[in-house]
Every structure is written in C-alpha cells, then in structure tokens.
Amino acid sequence: DNMMRCASCGIAEDGDNKKLKTCTACKSVRYCSVTCQKKHRPQHKRACKKKAAELRDALLFKQPESSNYGDCPICLLPQPIDPEKSSMMSCCSKVICEGCDYANQMRQQEAKLEQTCLFCRHPSP
C-alpha cells in the first residue's frame, strides 16, 4: 500500500477529497487535521526534532556548486562569478577569494606582520 496516511488516525489521502498536511518541521509525517497533529505530538516530538535538525544541517552545510572559475586555493570554496570579488596574486598567479584576502590582511595588520602573498608568502611589492 503506497498511499499516504495520517500519522495519528491512519486515514488515507484520497486525491481530491482528503489532502493530508505535512509536518512543517520534519516534513516526514502527514496529518489529516490539526486535532490529529496535536494528538500525535507526544509520540512524534523526539523524532521530529532529530529529523528537523538533520534537514537544517544539510541545508546549512551544503557546499555550493563549483563555478568555471575554479576554487579558492585557501578555503576551497568556488570562486565568485564577479571578478571584482577575487584577487590575482602577481607573485604566484593564484586567484584568491576576497574573504581569504581580507582575512589575511587583517591577520597581518593585527600582528604587525610584513605584507606577503597569502598563498606563497612572497613579500608583496
């Protein structure tokens, strides 16, 4: 039986007449009414929280698709499409994302270090 059923009372979805509503947090169970959802909540609460956390983590840690510009050799994230948001290092010809370049500049300023290339550490001109 491949029919969707209410997690509380077991009533089946029957096309146009009875549409079941999906749990908005975990998206893994369905209910025919708010009453059934409230009645089933004590049994469903623990599994719901676990599944909702998994869904949130999957969305949060999903890696972006790689662009044709390649990845930053420091953070390994895809290079931005906008060339203004990355820097080519003249010493080693590596293209570094703006975030890594900025973090390196802040680190060098705070520690009063010599300005060097983020990738090869060659002194900046």
Foldseek 3Di string as FASTA:
>chain_A
DPFAAAPQPGDTADPPPFDWDADPQQRPHTHRDPVSVVVCCVVCVVVSVVNSVVVVCCVVPPADDADPQAAAPPPRHHADPPLVQWDQAPVPRGIHGNVQVVVLVVVCVVVVHADADPPPRHGHD
